[in-house]
Amino acid sequence: MQNRELGEDKSLLLKVAGGDQRAFRLIFDAYSNRVFTYAFRYLKSKELSEEIVQEVFVKIWVKRDGLPEIGNFGGFIRTVTNNLTLDALRKRALDYKTVNEGKHKWSDQDNATEEDIMLKDSRAYMAMAIDQLPKQQKLVYQMCYIEGLKQKDVAKKLNISPLTVKVHLREAVKTLKAHLKDGNSLPLISLVLLGICK
């Protein structure tokens, strides 16, 4: 039985909803590696990624009564994983900020280390935000901001009008600002890296 089939197997979800631990184990075996891989891609920490796996499946078990109502179980797991990974990134940024708030004297080396850590986390956070954009917006954003193509060149490559490119780009930037600009230092750095916050 393939992973995709497991997620679409309503009878399996019904069994889990009824407290069947064997059925739950099948779901865990089918999806836990995907969850870990996704979390590790952004967190770069085996321990944190394993915690995300545990949190995802604890959440599924606790909320199991609602499983039969889920139309796309694979999409549901991706959403839960994404949200918990974002929470972990935000918490790491907040913890880092809190720990260092009381330190008034930094050596040049300390400053470089701080900036490197924040930059790395910001890039991961930024990549996650871009990943959540609708497909066409994501493509246009990447071509314009990451690949550095002009809007008219993007329009030619995608066989769409320059106005459509402009609209997609505007909506992408609007979504990213709303997603990232929540007052934490990490999202603010991400906005600067994205080139959408002056």
C-alpha atoms as a PDB file:
ATOM      1  CA  MET A   1       0.000   0.000   0.000  1.00  0.00           C
ATOM      2  CA  GLN A   2       1.489   3.353  -1.044  1.00  0.00           C
ATOM      3  CA  ASN A   3       1.547   6.484   1.099  1.00  0.00           C
ATOM      4  CA  ARG A   4      -0.910   8.338  -1.106  1.00  0.00           C
ATOM      5  CA  GLU A   5      -3.373   5.456  -0.883  1.00  0.00           C
ATOM      6  CA  LEU A   6      -3.054   5.387   2.888  1.00  0.00           C
ATOM      7  CA  GLY A   7      -4.001   9.039   3.158  1.00  0.00           C
ATOM      8  CA  GLU A   8      -7.019   8.547   0.913  1.00  0.00           C
ATOM      9  CA  ASP A   9      -8.190   5.355   2.654  1.00  0.00           C
ATOM     10  CA  LYS A  10     -11.295   6.518   4.495  1.00  0.00           C
ATOM     11  CA  SER A  11     -11.697   3.171   6.229  1.00  0.00           C
ATOM     12  CA  LEU A  12      -8.199   3.534   7.684  1.00  0.00           C
ATOM     13  CA  LEU A  13      -8.962   7.036   8.923  1.00  0.00           C
ATOM     14  CA  LEU A  14     -12.216   5.729  10.419  1.00  0.00           C
ATOM     15  CA  LYS A  15     -10.246   3.063  12.279  1.00  0.00           C
ATOM     16  CA  VAL A  16      -7.834   5.666  13.651  1.00  0.00           C
ATOM     17  CA  ALA A  17     -10.798   7.834  14.658  1.00  0.00           C
ATOM     18  CA  GLY A  18     -12.112   4.847  16.573  1.00  0.00           C
ATOM     19  CA  GLY A  19      -8.847   4.480  18.473  1.00  0.00           C
ATOM     20  CA  ASP A  20      -7.266   1.689  16.405  1.00  0.00           C
ATOM     21  CA  GLN A  21      -3.550   1.937  17.250  1.00  0.00           C
ATOM     22  CA  ARG A  22      -2.502  -0.447  14.477  1.00  0.00           C
ATOM     23  CA  ALA A  23      -4.170   1.765  11.883  1.00  0.00           C
ATOM     24  CA  PHE A  24      -2.499   4.796  13.459  1.00  0.00           C
ATOM     25  CA  ARG A  25       0.855   3.017  13.205  1.00  0.00           C
ATOM     26  CA  LEU A  26       0.260   2.509   9.464  1.00  0.00           C
ATOM     27  CA  ILE A  27      -0.350   6.235   9.072  1.00  0.00           C
ATOM     28  CA  PHE A  28       2.750   7.018  11.130  1.00  0.00           C
ATOM     29  CA  ASP A  29       4.948   4.659   9.099  1.00  0.00           C
ATOM     30  CA  ALA A  30       3.639   6.108   5.843  1.00  0.00           C
ATOM     31  CA  TYR A  31       4.150   9.793   6.680  1.00  0.00           C
ATOM     32  CA  SER A  32       6.677  10.222   9.494  1.00  0.00           C
ATOM     33  CA  ASN A  33       9.714  10.305   7.199  1.00  0.00           C
ATOM     34  CA  ARG A  34       8.096  12.991   5.017  1.00  0.00           C
ATOM     35  CA  VAL A  35       7.367  15.094   8.079  1.00  0.00           C
ATOM     36  CA  PHE A  36      10.937  14.726   9.358  1.00  0.00           C
ATOM     37  CA  THR A  37      12.467  15.562   5.954  1.00  0.00           C
ATOM     38  CA  TYR A  38      10.336  18.689   5.574  1.00  0.00           C
ATOM     39  CA  ALA A  39      11.098  19.935   9.089  1.00  0.00           C
ATOM     40  CA  PHE A  40      14.818  19.184   8.783  1.00  0.00           C
ATOM     41  CA  ARG A  41      15.004  21.087   5.496  1.00  0.00           C
ATOM     42  CA  TYR A  42      14.290  24.305   7.406  1.00  0.00           C
ATOM     43  CA  LEU A  43      15.347  23.627  10.984  1.00  0.00           C
ATOM     44  CA  LYS A  44      18.655  21.854  10.193  1.00  0.00           C
ATOM     45  CA  SER A  45      18.342  20.048  13.504  1.00  0.00           C
ATOM     46  CA  LYS A  46      17.703  16.323  13.929  1.00  0.00           C
ATOM     47  CA  GLU A  47      16.393  16.801  17.465  1.00  0.00           C
ATOM     48  CA  LEU A  48      13.986  19.609  16.558  1.00  0.00           C
ATOM     49  CA  SER A  49      12.800  17.734  13.468  1.00  0.00           C
ATOM     50  CA  GLU A  50      12.114  14.623  15.543  1.00  0.00           C
ATOM     51  CA  GLU A  51      10.119  16.808  17.940  1.00  0.00           C
ATOM     52  CA  ILE A  52       8.078  18.094  15.003  1.00  0.00           C
ATOM     53  CA  VAL A  53       7.327  14.491  13.969  1.00  0.00           C
ATOM     54  CA  GLN A  54       6.131  13.715  17.497  1.00  0.00           C
ATOM     55  CA  GLU A  55       4.030  16.872  17.692  1.00  0.00           C
ATOM     56  CA  VAL A  56       2.391  16.236  14.316  1.00  0.00           C
ATOM     57  CA  PHE A  57       1.313  12.710  15.205  1.00  0.00           C
ATOM     58  CA  VAL A  58       0.303  13.582  18.765  1.00  0.00           C
ATOM     59  CA  LYS A  59      -1.918  16.276  17.265  1.00  0.00           C
ATOM     60  CA  ILE A  60      -3.383  13.766  14.791  1.00  0.00           C
ATOM     61  CA  TRP A  61      -4.079  11.262  17.572  1.00  0.00           C
ATOM     62  CA  VAL A  62      -5.612  13.857  19.902  1.00  0.00           C
ATOM     63  CA  LYS A  63      -7.816  15.213  17.093  1.00  0.00           C
ATOM     64  CA  ARG A  64      -8.534  11.775  15.611  1.00  0.00           C
ATOM     65  CA  ASP A  65     -12.308  12.152  15.926  1.00  0.00           C
ATOM     66  CA  GLY A  66     -12.228  14.607  13.029  1.00  0.00           C
ATOM     67  CA  LEU A  67     -10.075  12.497  10.681  1.00  0.00           C
ATOM     68  CA  PRO A  68     -12.967  11.041   8.643  1.00  0.00           C
ATOM     69  CA  GLU A  69     -13.989  14.593   7.666  1.00  0.00           C
ATOM     70  CA  ILE A  70     -10.590  15.389   6.104  1.00  0.00           C
ATOM     71  CA  GLY A  71     -10.776  15.304   2.310  1.00  0.00           C
ATOM     72  CA  ASN A  72      -7.046  15.389   1.603  1.00  0.00           C
ATOM     73  CA  PHE A  73      -5.090  13.764   4.408  1.00  0.00           C
ATOM     74  CA  GLY A  74      -1.704  14.317   2.744  1.00  0.00           C
ATOM     75  CA  GLY A  75      -2.473  18.041   2.436  1.00  0.00           C
ATOM     76  CA  PHE A  76      -3.623  18.090   6.053  1.00  0.00           C
ATOM     77  CA  ILE A  77      -0.328  16.583   7.255  1.00  0.00           C
ATOM     78  CA  ARG A  78       1.647  19.080   5.158  1.00  0.00           C
ATOM     79  CA  THR A  79      -0.276  21.977   6.667  1.00  0.00           C
ATOM     80  CA  VAL A  80       0.199  20.756  10.254  1.00  0.00           C
ATOM     81  CA  THR A  81       3.907  20.119   9.606  1.00  0.00           C
ATOM     82  CA  ASN A  82       4.385  23.544   8.021  1.00  0.00           C
ATOM     83  CA  ASN A  83       2.648  25.340  10.896  1.00  0.00           C
ATOM     84  CA  LEU A  84       4.641  23.526  13.585  1.00  0.00           C
ATOM     85  CA  THR A  85       7.915  24.109  11.719  1.00  0.00           C
ATOM     86  CA  LEU A  86       7.148  27.821  11.407  1.00  0.00           C
ATOM     87  CA  ASP A  87       6.331  27.915  15.117  1.00  0.00           C
ATOM     88  CA  ALA A  88       9.692  26.276  15.869  1.00  0.00           C
ATOM     89  CA  LEU A  89      11.519  28.845  13.742  1.00  0.00           C
ATOM     90  CA  ARG A  90       9.695  31.712  15.452  1.00  0.00           C
ATOM     91  CA  LYS A  91      10.436  30.261  18.886  1.00  0.00           C
ATOM     92  CA  ARG A  92      14.116  29.832  18.054  1.00  0.00           C
ATOM     93  CA  ALA A  93      14.313  33.447  16.897  1.00  0.00           C
ATOM     94  CA  LEU A  94      12.499  34.676  20.011  1.00  0.00           C
ATOM     95  CA  ASP A  95      14.664  32.554  22.324  1.00  0.00           C
ATOM     96  CA  TYR A  96      17.782  33.837  20.623  1.00  0.00           C
ATOM     97  CA  LYS A  97      16.619  37.428  20.952  1.00  0.00           C
ATOM     98  CA  THR A  98      15.668  36.970  24.634  1.00  0.00           C
ATOM     99  CA  VAL A  99      18.952  35.313  25.583  1.00  0.00           C
ATOM    100  CA  ASN A 100      20.966  38.107  24.000  1.00  0.00           C
ATOM    101  CA  GLU A 101      18.862  41.105  25.052  1.00  0.00           C
ATOM    102  CA  GLY A 102      20.783  41.524  28.316  1.00  0.00           C
ATOM    103  CA  LYS A 103      24.197  41.438  26.670  1.00  0.00           C
ATOM    104  CA  HIS A 104      25.445  44.926  25.983  1.00  0.00           C
ATOM    105  CA  LYS A 105      29.024  44.212  25.027  1.00  0.00           C
ATOM    106  CA  TRP A 106      29.839  42.150  21.975  1.00  0.00           C
ATOM    107  CA  SER A 107      33.179  41.387  20.429  1.00  0.00           C
ATOM    108  CA  ASP A 108      33.436  41.545  16.640  1.00  0.00           C
ATOM    109  CA  GLN A 109      33.484  37.756  16.594  1.00  0.00           C
ATOM    110  CA  ASP A 110      30.309  37.544  18.699  1.00  0.00           C
ATOM    111  CA  ASN A 111      28.541  39.975  16.385  1.00  0.00           C
ATOM    112  CA  ALA A 112      29.561  37.968  13.331  1.00  0.00           C
ATOM    113  CA  THR A 113      28.269  34.774  14.933  1.00  0.00           C
ATOM    114  CA  GLU A 114      24.961  36.397  15.862  1.00  0.00           C
ATOM    115  CA  GLU A 115      24.495  37.775  12.369  1.00  0.00           C
ATOM    116  CA  ASP A 116      25.372  34.433  10.760  1.00  0.00           C
ATOM    117  CA  ILE A 117      22.833  32.562  12.882  1.00  0.00           C
ATOM    118  CA  MET A 118      20.080  35.106  12.287  1.00  0.00           C
ATOM    119  CA  LEU A 119      20.828  35.231   8.570  1.00  0.00           C
ATOM    120  CA  LYS A 120      20.696  31.445   8.279  1.00  0.00           C
ATOM    121  CA  ASP A 121      17.405  31.209  10.180  1.00  0.00           C
ATOM    122  CA  SER A 122      15.956  34.117   8.231  1.00  0.00           C
ATOM    123  CA  ARG A 123      16.769  32.458   4.919  1.00  0.00           C
ATOM    124  CA  ALA A 124      15.060  29.261   6.059  1.00  0.00           C
ATOM    125  CA  TYR A 125      12.023  31.225   7.262  1.00  0.00           C
ATOM    126  CA  MET A 126      11.967  33.166   4.008  1.00  0.00           C
ATOM    127  CA  ALA A 127      12.135  29.980   1.915  1.00  0.00           C
ATOM    128  CA  MET A 128       9.182  28.554   3.800  1.00  0.00           C
ATOM    129  CA  ALA A 129       7.141  31.688   3.220  1.00  0.00           C
ATOM    130  CA  ILE A 130       7.879  31.601  -0.518  1.00  0.00           C
ATOM    131  CA  ASP A 131       6.947  27.907  -0.627  1.00  0.00           C
ATOM    132  CA  GLN A 132       3.469  28.767   0.636  1.00  0.00           C
ATOM    133  CA  LEU A 133       2.683  31.129  -2.244  1.00  0.00           C
ATOM    134  CA  PRO A 134       0.232  29.995  -4.939  1.00  0.00           C
ATOM    135  CA  LYS A 135       2.093  28.213  -7.743  1.00  0.00           C
ATOM    136  CA  GLN A 136       2.044  31.018 -10.330  1.00  0.00           C
ATOM    137  CA  GLN A 137       2.866  33.743  -7.807  1.00  0.00           C
ATOM    138  CA  LYS A 138       5.750  31.657  -6.479  1.00  0.00           C
ATOM    139  CA  LEU A 139       7.103  31.097  -9.997  1.00  0.00           C
ATOM    140  CA  VAL A 140       6.884  34.780 -10.943  1.00  0.00           C
ATOM    141  CA  TYR A 141       8.417  35.873  -7.625  1.00  0.00           C
ATOM    142  CA  GLN A 142      11.344  33.455  -7.973  1.00  0.00           C
ATOM    143  CA  MET A 143      12.028  34.479 -11.570  1.00  0.00           C
ATOM    144  CA  CYS A 144      11.908  38.208 -10.789  1.00  0.00           C
ATOM    145  CA  TYR A 145      13.506  38.430  -7.343  1.00  0.00           C
ATOM    146  CA  ILE A 146      15.697  35.353  -7.120  1.00  0.00           C
ATOM    147  CA  GLU A 147      16.757  34.828 -10.741  1.00  0.00           C
ATOM    148  CA  GLY A 148      16.793  38.573 -11.385  1.00  0.00           C
ATOM    149  CA  LEU A 149      14.785  38.507 -14.621  1.00  0.00           C
ATOM    150  CA  LYS A 150      12.912  41.571 -15.834  1.00  0.00           C
ATOM    151  CA  GLN A 151       9.121  41.415 -15.742  1.00  0.00           C
ATOM    152  CA  LYS A 152       8.855  41.557 -19.548  1.00  0.00           C
ATOM    153  CA  ASP A 153      11.267  38.603 -19.849  1.00  0.00           C
ATOM    154  CA  VAL A 154       9.249  36.625 -17.315  1.00  0.00           C
ATOM    155  CA  ALA A 155       6.107  37.384 -19.314  1.00  0.00           C
ATOM    156  CA  LYS A 156       7.728  35.985 -22.473  1.00  0.00           C
ATOM    157  CA  LYS A 157       9.016  32.868 -20.748  1.00  0.00           C
ATOM    158  CA  LEU A 158       5.663  32.105 -19.150  1.00  0.00           C
ATOM    159  CA  ASN A 159       3.644  33.203 -22.193  1.00  0.00           C
ATOM    160  CA  ILE A 160       1.551  35.632 -20.165  1.00  0.00           C
ATOM    161  CA  SER A 161       1.093  39.388 -20.358  1.00  0.00           C
ATOM    162  CA  PRO A 162       3.455  41.775 -18.541  1.00  0.00           C
ATOM    163  CA  LEU A 163       0.408  43.069 -16.641  1.00  0.00           C
ATOM    164  CA  THR A 164      -0.318  39.556 -15.359  1.00  0.00           C
ATOM    165  CA  VAL A 165       3.288  39.250 -14.204  1.00  0.00           C
ATOM    166  CA  LYS A 166       2.971  42.564 -12.396  1.00  0.00           C
ATOM    167  CA  VAL A 167      -0.249  41.467 -10.674  1.00  0.00           C
ATOM    168  CA  HIS A 168       1.244  38.125  -9.592  1.00  0.00           C
ATOM    169  CA  LEU A 169       4.333  39.874  -8.255  1.00  0.00           C
ATOM    170  CA  ARG A 170       2.294  42.451  -6.357  1.00  0.00           C
ATOM    171  CA  GLU A 171       0.103  39.758  -4.774  1.00  0.00           C
ATOM    172  CA  ALA A 172       3.144  37.640  -3.877  1.00  0.00           C
ATOM    173  CA  VAL A 173       4.839  40.559  -2.143  1.00  0.00           C
ATOM    174  CA  LYS A 174       1.604  41.448  -0.332  1.00  0.00           C
ATOM    175  CA  THR A 175       1.220  37.859   0.901  1.00  0.00           C
ATOM    176  CA  LEU A 176       4.851  37.634   2.023  1.00  0.00           C
ATOM    177  CA  LYS A 177       4.631  40.902   3.935  1.00  0.00           C
ATOM    178  CA  ALA A 178       1.502  39.749   5.736  1.00  0.00           C
ATOM    179  CA  HIS A 179       3.039  36.349   6.446  1.00  0.00           C
ATOM    180  CA  LEU A 180       6.391  37.563   7.725  1.00  0.00           C
ATOM    181  CA  LYS A 181       5.845  40.963   9.294  1.00  0.00           C
ATOM    182  CA  ASP A 182       4.687  39.892  12.743  1.00  0.00           C
ATOM    183  CA  GLY A 183       7.041  41.918  14.919  1.00  0.00           C
ATOM    184  CA  ASN A 184       9.717  39.293  15.556  1.00  0.00           C
ATOM    185  CA  SER A 185      13.291  39.998  14.582  1.00  0.00           C
ATOM    186  CA  LEU A 186      13.538  36.942  12.350  1.00  0.00           C
ATOM    187  CA  PRO A 187      10.599  37.842  10.104  1.00  0.00           C
ATOM    188  CA  LEU A 188      11.795  41.443   9.850  1.00  0.00           C
ATOM    189  CA  ILE A 189      15.223  40.303   8.721  1.00  0.00           C
ATOM    190  CA  SER A 190      13.498  37.984   6.266  1.00  0.00           C
ATOM    191  CA  LEU A 191      11.593  40.921   4.795  1.00  0.00           C
ATOM    192  CA  VAL A 192      14.830  42.779   4.206  1.00  0.00           C
ATOM    193  CA  LEU A 193      16.362  39.700   2.562  1.00  0.00           C
ATOM    194  CA  LEU A 194      13.271  39.334   0.402  1.00  0.00           C
ATOM    195  CA  GLY A 195      13.760  42.881  -0.804  1.00  0.00           C
ATOM    196  CA  ILE A 196      10.188  43.839   0.078  1.00  0.00           C
ATOM    197  CA  CYS A 197      10.812  45.936   3.163  1.00  0.00           C
ATOM    198  CA  LYS A 198      12.656  49.218   2.799  1.00  0.00           C
END
